[in-house]
Amino acid sequence: MATVKELKATARPKSGKGAARAERRAGRVPGVIYGNNQPPVTISVDDADLRQRILAGRFLTTIYDIDLEGNKHRVIPRDFHLDPVRDFPIHVDFMRLGEGATIRVSVPLRIQNAEAAPGVKRGGAVNIVTHTIDLECSVDNIPQFVEADVSGLEISYSLHLSDIKLPAGVKSLAREDVTLVTIVPPSGYAEEMKAAAAAAAAGPAVVAGAPAAPGAAPAAGAAAAAPAAGAAPAAGAKAPAAGAKAPAGGGDKKK
């Protein structure tokens, strides 16, 4: 069962922009309670209290019992407006909840076991595509979040809504094939994969200096080996002139 929190409010008999500005000057936020086939009730709540609850998170999925001058109204926040410049609440809407009522809510997605994903271990990063999921459930069974386990994802793989299990009694309003999370590759990953594929298609490379296969022709452009010492002179080389003396050992001596 969902946790119900208490919230105090004050009746606001006057409506309109002037009355709302007066409430804000007094440190209160104007609001309204509506729904469940009852007339709307204008209220105001403490500005500091409301701001703290909004900043704490999950404000729009939390059920409240509003104490309005001794009368309890079970509600859920449906919307709040922030000042566009100073970013503090200026209005809040609450919807009454009847007993056994069904409601539609947007619940945040929570990622689990990201560090265990093979794609993350290889340098990939978790990319959350869908941050909230629209659900339909009873007011007593509103989940605080939906868990997505990505421990089995490789690089470029995705997790879809159909891959996760929702709590009992909770129905998704989104398509089952909607993508929730993907593992994006690291920088340069595509170029590495292309290079590896090209190398595999080209076959094993010839190692420099490796012996050629028997009967194989020498590689084109290969340089001829230099003649070894004492080898016969090349064809066409001139013989020494007749009667020419060999040089004396050690060369000429000085007189």
C-alpha atoms as a PDB file:
ATOM      1  CA  MET A   1       0.000   0.000   0.000  1.00  0.00           C
ATOM      2  CA  ALA A   2       1.243   3.472  -0.847  1.00  0.00           C
ATOM      3  CA  THR A   3       2.490   5.687   1.983  1.00  0.00           C
ATOM      4  CA  VAL A   4       0.116   8.544   2.856  1.00  0.00           C
ATOM      5  CA  LYS A   5       1.651  11.797   4.121  1.00  0.00           C
ATOM      6  CA  GLU A   6       0.066  14.647   6.006  1.00  0.00           C
ATOM      7  CA  LEU A   7      -0.189  18.204   4.682  1.00  0.00           C
ATOM      8  CA  LYS A   8      -1.835  21.171   6.384  1.00  0.00           C
ATOM      9  CA  ALA A   9      -3.766  23.762   4.374  1.00  0.00           C
ATOM     10  CA  THR A  10      -5.878  26.837   4.957  1.00  0.00           C
ATOM     11  CA  ALA A  11      -9.159  27.644   3.242  1.00  0.00           C
ATOM     12  CA  ARG A  12      -8.890  30.494   0.775  1.00  0.00           C
ATOM     13  CA  PRO A  13     -12.350  32.074   0.412  1.00  0.00           C
ATOM     14  CA  LYS A  14     -11.305  34.530  -2.268  1.00  0.00           C
ATOM     15  CA  SER A  15     -10.117  33.607  -5.717  1.00  0.00           C
ATOM     16  CA  GLY A  16      -8.522  35.582  -8.521  1.00  0.00           C
ATOM     17  CA  LYS A  17      -5.104  37.015  -9.263  1.00  0.00           C
ATOM     18  CA  GLY A  18      -5.249  39.704  -6.594  1.00  0.00           C
ATOM     19  CA  ALA A  19      -6.097  37.233  -3.835  1.00  0.00           C
ATOM     20  CA  ALA A  20      -3.417  34.832  -5.059  1.00  0.00           C
ATOM     21  CA  ARG A  21      -0.766  37.570  -4.961  1.00  0.00           C
ATOM     22  CA  ALA A  22      -1.814  38.451  -1.434  1.00  0.00           C
ATOM     23  CA  GLU A  23      -1.332  34.819  -0.362  1.00  0.00           C
ATOM     24  CA  ARG A  24       2.157  34.756  -1.884  1.00  0.00           C
ATOM     25  CA  ARG A  25       3.116  37.958  -0.086  1.00  0.00           C
ATOM     26  CA  ALA A  26       2.034  36.256   3.149  1.00  0.00           C
ATOM     27  CA  GLY A  27       4.395  33.337   2.474  1.00  0.00           C
ATOM     28  CA  ARG A  28       1.727  30.920   1.252  1.00  0.00           C
ATOM     29  CA  VAL A  29       1.075  29.214  -2.074  1.00  0.00           C
ATOM     30  CA  PRO A  30      -2.465  29.252  -3.505  1.00  0.00           C
ATOM     31  CA  GLY A  31      -3.930  25.949  -4.636  1.00  0.00           C
ATOM     32  CA  VAL A  32      -7.101  24.036  -5.377  1.00  0.00           C
ATOM     33  CA  ILE A  33      -8.627  20.639  -4.546  1.00  0.00           C
ATOM     34  CA  TYR A  34     -10.927  19.186  -7.223  1.00  0.00           C
ATOM     35  CA  GLY A  35     -12.379  15.934  -8.498  1.00  0.00           C
ATOM     36  CA  ASN A  36     -14.418  12.953  -7.203  1.00  0.00           C
ATOM     37  CA  ASN A  37     -17.664  14.617  -8.310  1.00  0.00           C
ATOM     38  CA  GLN A  38     -17.366  17.321  -5.648  1.00  0.00           C
ATOM     39  CA  PRO A  39     -17.050  21.105  -6.051  1.00  0.00           C
ATOM     40  CA  PRO A  40     -13.532  22.516  -6.066  1.00  0.00           C
ATOM     41  CA  VAL A  41     -12.096  24.024  -2.907  1.00  0.00           C
ATOM     42  CA  THR A  42      -9.588  26.867  -2.988  1.00  0.00           C
ATOM     43  CA  ILE A  43      -6.784  26.513  -0.435  1.00  0.00           C
ATOM     44  CA  SER A  44      -3.319  27.765   0.403  1.00  0.00           C
ATOM     45  CA  VAL A  45      -0.303  25.902   1.831  1.00  0.00           C
ATOM     46  CA  ASP A  46       2.888  27.057   3.501  1.00  0.00           C
ATOM     47  CA  ASP A  47       5.473  28.082   0.895  1.00  0.00           C
ATOM     48  CA  ALA A  48       8.528  26.658   2.703  1.00  0.00           C
ATOM     49  CA  ASP A  49       6.759  23.352   3.443  1.00  0.00           C
ATOM     50  CA  LEU A  50       5.579  22.908  -0.152  1.00  0.00           C
ATOM     51  CA  ARG A  51       8.967  23.835  -1.595  1.00  0.00           C
ATOM     52  CA  GLN A  52      10.686  21.239   0.603  1.00  0.00           C
ATOM     53  CA  ARG A  53       8.272  18.506  -0.478  1.00  0.00           C
ATOM     54  CA  ILE A  54       8.753  19.310  -4.170  1.00  0.00           C
ATOM     55  CA  LEU A  55      12.548  19.329  -3.876  1.00  0.00           C
ATOM     56  CA  ALA A  56      12.494  15.992  -2.027  1.00  0.00           C
ATOM     57  CA  GLY A  57      11.259  14.301  -5.218  1.00  0.00           C
ATOM     58  CA  ARG A  58       8.299  12.056  -6.150  1.00  0.00           C
ATOM     59  CA  PHE A  59       5.894  14.846  -5.232  1.00  0.00           C
ATOM     60  CA  LEU A  60       3.450  14.031  -8.054  1.00  0.00           C
ATOM     61  CA  THR A  61       3.266  10.322  -7.105  1.00  0.00           C
ATOM     62  CA  THR A  62       2.762  10.792  -3.348  1.00  0.00           C
ATOM     63  CA  ILE A  63      -0.662  10.564  -1.699  1.00  0.00           C
ATOM     64  CA  TYR A  64      -1.499  13.227   0.879  1.00  0.00           C
ATOM     65  CA  ASP A  65      -4.153  13.647   3.517  1.00  0.00           C
ATOM     66  CA  ILE A  66      -4.752  17.402   3.510  1.00  0.00           C
ATOM     67  CA  ASP A  67      -5.915  18.692   6.859  1.00  0.00           C
ATOM     68  CA  LEU A  68      -8.195  21.570   5.937  1.00  0.00           C
ATOM     69  CA  GLU A  69      -9.417  23.109   9.194  1.00  0.00           C
ATOM     70  CA  GLY A  70     -10.212  19.723  10.740  1.00  0.00           C
ATOM     71  CA  ASN A  71     -11.513  18.048   7.567  1.00  0.00           C
ATOM     72  CA  LYS A  72      -9.329  15.445   5.831  1.00  0.00           C
ATOM     73  CA  HIS A  73      -9.107  15.296   2.043  1.00  0.00           C
ATOM     74  CA  ARG A  74      -7.194  12.384   0.507  1.00  0.00           C
ATOM     75  CA  VAL A  75      -5.533  13.767  -2.602  1.00  0.00           C
ATOM     76  CA  ILE A  76      -2.648  13.373  -4.996  1.00  0.00           C
ATOM     77  CA  PRO A  77      -0.802  16.367  -6.517  1.00  0.00           C
ATOM     78  CA  ARG A  78      -1.510  16.678 -10.230  1.00  0.00           C
ATOM     79  CA  ASP A  79       0.463  19.803 -11.125  1.00  0.00           C
ATOM     80  CA  PHE A  80       2.416  22.721  -9.734  1.00  0.00           C
ATOM     81  CA  HIS A  81       3.620  25.929 -11.346  1.00  0.00           C
ATOM     82  CA  LEU A  82       6.983  27.584 -10.732  1.00  0.00           C
ATOM     83  CA  ASP A  83       7.928  31.225 -11.110  1.00  0.00           C
ATOM     84  CA  PRO A  84       9.836  31.426 -14.439  1.00  0.00           C
ATOM     85  CA  VAL A  85      12.512  33.709 -12.979  1.00  0.00           C
ATOM     86  CA  ARG A  86      12.926  32.820  -9.302  1.00  0.00           C
ATOM     87  CA  ASP A  87      11.893  29.140  -9.658  1.00  0.00           C
ATOM     88  CA  PHE A  88       9.667  28.869  -6.562  1.00  0.00           C
ATOM     89  CA  PRO A  89       6.109  27.440  -6.497  1.00  0.00           C
ATOM     90  CA  ILE A  90       3.303  29.856  -7.253  1.00  0.00           C
ATOM     91  CA  HIS A  91       0.337  27.448  -7.565  1.00  0.00           C
ATOM     92  CA  VAL A  92      -0.467  23.794  -6.841  1.00  0.00           C
ATOM     93  CA  ASP A  93      -3.340  21.505  -7.896  1.00  0.00           C
ATOM     94  CA  PHE A  94      -4.589  18.489  -5.905  1.00  0.00           C
ATOM     95  CA  MET A  95      -7.054  15.829  -7.111  1.00  0.00           C
ATOM     96  CA  ARG A  96      -9.384  14.061  -4.679  1.00  0.00           C
ATOM     97  CA  LEU A  97      -9.099  10.292  -4.482  1.00  0.00           C
ATOM     98  CA  GLY A  98     -12.165   8.179  -3.894  1.00  0.00           C
ATOM     99  CA  GLU A  99     -11.949   4.791  -2.218  1.00  0.00           C
ATOM    100  CA  GLY A 100     -10.661   2.159  -4.676  1.00  0.00           C
ATOM    101  CA  ALA A 101     -10.062   4.782  -7.366  1.00  0.00           C
ATOM    102  CA  THR A 102      -7.776   4.101 -10.325  1.00  0.00           C
ATOM    103  CA  ILE A 103      -5.306   6.766 -11.398  1.00  0.00           C
ATOM    104  CA  ARG A 104      -2.820   7.444 -14.154  1.00  0.00           C
ATOM    105  CA  VAL A 105       0.645   8.526 -13.039  1.00  0.00           C
ATOM    106  CA  SER A 106       4.098   9.043 -14.514  1.00  0.00           C
ATOM    107  CA  VAL A 107       6.684   7.049 -12.567  1.00  0.00           C
ATOM    108  CA  PRO A 108      10.474   7.547 -12.888  1.00  0.00           C
ATOM    109  CA  LEU A 109      12.733   4.813 -14.263  1.00  0.00           C
ATOM    110  CA  ARG A 110      15.541   3.542 -11.996  1.00  0.00           C
ATOM    111  CA  ILE A 111      18.578   1.777 -13.527  1.00  0.00           C
ATOM    112  CA  GLN A 112      20.066  -1.195 -11.700  1.00  0.00           C
ATOM    113  CA  ASN A 113      23.379  -3.109 -12.047  1.00  0.00           C
ATOM    114  CA  ALA A 114      24.834  -0.746 -14.637  1.00  0.00           C
ATOM    115  CA  GLU A 115      28.403  -1.484 -13.513  1.00  0.00           C
ATOM    116  CA  ALA A 116      27.859  -5.218 -14.194  1.00  0.00           C
ATOM    117  CA  ALA A 117      26.795  -4.754 -17.830  1.00  0.00           C
ATOM    118  CA  PRO A 118      29.343  -6.248 -20.305  1.00  0.00           C
ATOM    119  CA  GLY A 119      28.969  -3.213 -22.548  1.00  0.00           C
ATOM    120  CA  VAL A 120      29.843  -0.852 -19.687  1.00  0.00           C
ATOM    121  CA  LYS A 121      32.886  -2.964 -18.781  1.00  0.00           C
ATOM    122  CA  ARG A 122      34.102  -2.563 -22.378  1.00  0.00           C
ATOM    123  CA  GLY A 123      33.892   1.211 -22.195  1.00  0.00           C
ATOM    124  CA  GLY A 124      30.252   1.822 -23.172  1.00  0.00           C
ATOM    125  CA  ALA A 125      27.896   4.181 -21.353  1.00  0.00           C
ATOM    126  CA  VAL A 126      24.301   3.799 -20.161  1.00  0.00           C
ATOM    127  CA  ASN A 127      21.919   6.050 -22.102  1.00  0.00           C
ATOM    128  CA  ILE A 128      18.447   6.438 -20.551  1.00  0.00           C
ATOM    129  CA  VAL A 129      16.035   6.978 -23.444  1.00  0.00           C
ATOM    130  CA  THR A 130      12.781   7.005 -21.433  1.00  0.00           C
ATOM    131  CA  HIS A 131      13.029   8.700 -18.040  1.00  0.00           C
ATOM    132  CA  THR A 132       9.405   8.207 -16.903  1.00  0.00           C
ATOM    133  CA  ILE A 133       6.755   5.592 -17.654  1.00  0.00           C
ATOM    134  CA  ASP A 134       3.031   6.305 -17.754  1.00  0.00           C
ATOM    135  CA  LEU A 135       1.162   3.782 -15.608  1.00  0.00           C
ATOM    136  CA  GLU A 136      -2.411   3.042 -14.568  1.00  0.00           C
ATOM    137  CA  CYS A 137      -2.978   1.603 -11.103  1.00  0.00           C
ATOM    138  CA  SER A 138      -5.074   1.890  -7.968  1.00  0.00           C
ATOM    139  CA  VAL A 139      -4.384   4.771  -5.619  1.00  0.00           C
ATOM    140  CA  ASP A 140      -3.211   2.287  -2.970  1.00  0.00           C
ATOM    141  CA  ASN A 141      -0.682   0.664  -5.298  1.00  0.00           C
ATOM    142  CA  ILE A 142       1.301   3.503  -6.860  1.00  0.00           C
ATOM    143  CA  PRO A 143       4.949   2.437  -7.354  1.00  0.00           C
ATOM    144  CA  GLN A 144       7.612   4.968  -6.434  1.00  0.00           C
ATOM    145  CA  PHE A 145       9.703   3.938  -9.471  1.00  0.00           C
ATOM    146  CA  VAL A 146      10.112   1.218 -12.108  1.00  0.00           C
ATOM    147  CA  GLU A 147      13.350  -0.795 -12.000  1.00  0.00           C
ATOM    148  CA  ALA A 148      15.324  -1.655 -15.150  1.00  0.00           C
ATOM    149  CA  ASP A 149      18.133  -4.239 -14.779  1.00  0.00           C
ATOM    150  CA  VAL A 150      20.799  -3.668 -17.464  1.00  0.00           C
ATOM    151  CA  SER A 151      23.346  -6.241 -16.212  1.00  0.00           C
ATOM    152  CA  GLY A 152      23.024  -8.303 -19.414  1.00  0.00           C
ATOM    153  CA  LEU A 153      23.378  -5.526 -22.006  1.00  0.00           C
ATOM    154  CA  GLU A 154      26.274  -5.400 -24.464  1.00  0.00           C
ATOM    155  CA  ILE A 155      27.385  -2.385 -26.495  1.00  0.00           C
ATOM    156  CA  SER A 156      24.640  -1.150 -28.874  1.00  0.00           C
ATOM    157  CA  TYR A 157      22.005  -3.361 -27.191  1.00  0.00           C
ATOM    158  CA  SER A 158      18.767  -1.979 -25.718  1.00  0.00           C
ATOM    159  CA  LEU A 159      16.225  -2.739 -23.009  1.00  0.00           C
ATOM    160  CA  HIS A 160      12.549  -2.332 -23.892  1.00  0.00           C
ATOM    161  CA  LEU A 161       9.427  -1.993 -21.789  1.00  0.00           C
ATOM    162  CA  SER A 162       8.465  -5.578 -22.635  1.00  0.00           C
ATOM    163  CA  ASP A 163      11.730  -6.778 -21.033  1.00  0.00           C
ATOM    164  CA  ILE A 164      10.832  -5.620 -17.505  1.00  0.00           C
ATOM    165  CA  LYS A 165       8.209  -6.853 -15.073  1.00  0.00           C
ATOM    166  CA  LEU A 166       5.773  -4.331 -13.619  1.00  0.00           C
ATOM    167  CA  PRO A 167       4.342  -4.706 -10.104  1.00  0.00           C
ATOM    168  CA  ALA A 168       1.092  -6.638  -9.713  1.00  0.00           C
ATOM    169  CA  GLY A 169      -1.974  -4.581 -10.508  1.00  0.00           C
ATOM    170  CA  VAL A 170       0.022  -1.999 -12.478  1.00  0.00           C
ATOM    171  CA  LYS A 171      -0.642  -1.490 -16.177  1.00  0.00           C
ATOM    172  CA  SER A 172       1.568   0.382 -18.610  1.00  0.00           C
ATOM    173  CA  LEU A 173       0.007   2.958 -20.905  1.00  0.00           C
ATOM    174  CA  ALA A 174       3.009   3.030 -23.262  1.00  0.00           C
ATOM    175  CA  ARG A 175       3.823   0.653 -26.128  1.00  0.00           C
ATOM    176  CA  GLU A 176       5.637  -2.532 -25.135  1.00  0.00           C
ATOM    177  CA  ASP A 177       8.364  -1.957 -27.746  1.00  0.00           C
ATOM    178  CA  VAL A 178       9.313   1.479 -26.410  1.00  0.00           C
ATOM    179  CA  THR A 179      13.059   1.684 -25.749  1.00  0.00           C
ATOM    180  CA  LEU A 180      14.021   2.405 -22.156  1.00  0.00           C
ATOM    181  CA  VAL A 181      17.822   2.103 -22.043  1.00  0.00           C
ATOM    182  CA  THR A 182      20.672   1.560 -24.512  1.00  0.00           C
ATOM    183  CA  ILE A 183      24.416   0.991 -24.081  1.00  0.00           C
ATOM    184  CA  VAL A 184      26.155   3.488 -26.344  1.00  0.00           C
ATOM    185  CA  PRO A 185      29.656   2.626 -27.661  1.00  0.00           C
ATOM    186  CA  PRO A 186      32.746   4.562 -26.602  1.00  0.00           C
ATOM    187  CA  SER A 187      34.408   7.138 -28.848  1.00  0.00           C
ATOM    188  CA  GLY A 188      36.191   5.541 -31.826  1.00  0.00           C
ATOM    189  CA  TYR A 189      34.387   2.208 -31.378  1.00  0.00           C
ATOM    190  CA  ALA A 190      32.874   2.256 -34.892  1.00  0.00           C
ATOM    191  CA  GLU A 191      36.251   2.902 -36.539  1.00  0.00           C
ATOM    192  CA  GLU A 192      37.830   0.052 -34.567  1.00  0.00           C
ATOM    193  CA  MET A 193      35.094  -2.345 -35.642  1.00  0.00           C
ATOM    194  CA  LYS A 194      35.486  -1.318 -39.306  1.00  0.00           C
ATOM    195  CA  ALA A 195      39.257  -1.818 -39.144  1.00  0.00           C
ATOM    196  CA  ALA A 196      38.856  -5.239 -37.544  1.00  0.00           C
ATOM    197  CA  ALA A 197      36.328  -6.290 -40.199  1.00  0.00           C
ATOM    198  CA  ALA A 198      38.623  -5.092 -43.014  1.00  0.00           C
ATOM    199  CA  ALA A 199      41.584  -6.986 -41.541  1.00  0.00           C
ATOM    200  CA  ALA A 200      39.523 -10.160 -41.231  1.00  0.00           C
ATOM    201  CA  ALA A 201      38.333  -9.860 -44.843  1.00  0.00           C
ATOM    202  CA  ALA A 202      41.898  -9.327 -46.134  1.00  0.00           C
ATOM    203  CA  GLY A 203      43.238 -12.523 -44.524  1.00  0.00           C
ATOM    204  CA  PRO A 204      46.521 -13.042 -42.624  1.00  0.00           C
ATOM    205  CA  ALA A 205      49.305 -10.573 -43.492  1.00  0.00           C
ATOM    206  CA  VAL A 206      52.732 -11.704 -44.832  1.00  0.00           C
ATOM    207  CA  VAL A 207      55.409 -11.270 -42.159  1.00  0.00           C
ATOM    208  CA  ALA A 208      58.561  -9.518 -43.353  1.00  0.00           C
ATOM    209  CA  GLY A 209      61.513 -11.947 -43.616  1.00  0.00           C
ATOM    210  CA  ALA A 210      59.369 -15.075 -43.401  1.00  0.00           C
ATOM    211  CA  PRO A 211      60.440 -17.928 -45.808  1.00  0.00           C
ATOM    212  CA  ALA A 212      58.329 -18.140 -48.917  1.00  0.00           C
ATOM    213  CA  ALA A 213      56.419 -21.289 -49.716  1.00  0.00           C
ATOM    214  CA  PRO A 214      58.207 -23.887 -51.932  1.00  0.00           C
ATOM    215  CA  GLY A 215      57.988 -22.902 -55.573  1.00  0.00           C
ATOM    216  CA  ALA A 216      56.596 -19.489 -54.752  1.00  0.00           C
ATOM    217  CA  ALA A 217      57.814 -16.603 -56.896  1.00  0.00           C
ATOM    218  CA  PRO A 218      59.670 -13.789 -55.165  1.00  0.00           C
ATOM    219  CA  ALA A 219      57.550 -10.869 -54.188  1.00  0.00           C
ATOM    220  CA  ALA A 220      57.222  -8.132 -56.784  1.00  0.00           C
ATOM    221  CA  GLY A 221      59.750  -5.347 -56.270  1.00  0.00           C
ATOM    222  CA  ALA A 222      61.884  -7.422 -53.900  1.00  0.00           C
ATOM    223  CA  ALA A 223      65.548  -6.362 -54.061  1.00  0.00           C
ATOM    224  CA  ALA A 224      68.171  -8.904 -55.233  1.00  0.00           C
ATOM    225  CA  ALA A 225      70.614 -10.063 -52.576  1.00  0.00           C
ATOM    226  CA  ALA A 226      74.158  -8.665 -52.804  1.00  0.00           C
ATOM    227  CA  PRO A 227      76.815 -11.136 -54.163  1.00  0.00           C
ATOM    228  CA  ALA A 228      78.718 -12.930 -51.457  1.00  0.00           C
ATOM    229  CA  ALA A 229      82.481 -12.341 -51.000  1.00  0.00           C
ATOM    230  CA  GLY A 230      84.571 -14.348 -53.505  1.00  0.00           C
ATOM    231  CA  ALA A 231      81.804 -14.784 -55.978  1.00  0.00           C
ATOM    232  CA  ALA A 232      82.691 -14.896 -59.712  1.00  0.00           C
ATOM    233  CA  PRO A 233      82.660 -11.551 -61.515  1.00  0.00           C
ATOM    234  CA  ALA A 234      79.564 -10.695 -63.338  1.00  0.00           C
ATOM    235  CA  ALA A 235      79.368 -11.585 -67.026  1.00  0.00           C
ATOM    236  CA  GLY A 236      80.940  -8.935 -69.266  1.00  0.00           C
ATOM    237  CA  ALA A 237      83.402  -7.679 -66.667  1.00  0.00           C
ATOM    238  CA  LYS A 238      86.917  -6.877 -68.186  1.00  0.00           C
ATOM    239  CA  ALA A 239      89.951  -9.058 -67.258  1.00  0.00           C
ATOM    240  CA  PRO A 240      93.160  -7.387 -65.976  1.00  0.00           C
ATOM    241  CA  ALA A 241      95.570  -6.125 -68.666  1.00  0.00           C
ATOM    242  CA  ALA A 242      98.308  -8.603 -69.814  1.00  0.00           C
ATOM    243  CA  GLY A 243     101.603  -8.234 -67.866  1.00  0.00           C
ATOM    244  CA  ALA A 244     100.102  -6.063 -65.222  1.00  0.00           C
ATOM    245  CA  LYS A 245     101.872  -6.620 -61.909  1.00  0.00           C
ATOM    246  CA  ALA A 246     100.014  -7.319 -58.764  1.00  0.00           C
ATOM    247  CA  PRO A 247     100.449  -4.639 -56.103  1.00  0.00           C
ATOM    248  CA  ALA A 248     103.191  -5.356 -53.577  1.00  0.00           C
ATOM    249  CA  GLY A 249     102.040  -6.520 -50.176  1.00  0.00           C
ATOM    250  CA  GLY A 250     101.628  -3.665 -47.795  1.00  0.00           C
ATOM    251  CA  GLY A 251     101.826  -1.066 -50.621  1.00  0.00           C
ATOM    252  CA  ASP A 252     104.804   1.156 -51.797  1.00  0.00           C
ATOM    253  CA  LYS A 253     107.625   1.919 -49.372  1.00  0.00           C
ATOM    254  CA  LYS A 254     108.983   5.412 -48.895  1.00  0.00           C
ATOM    255  CA  LYS A 255     112.552   6.004 -49.974  1.00  0.00           C
END
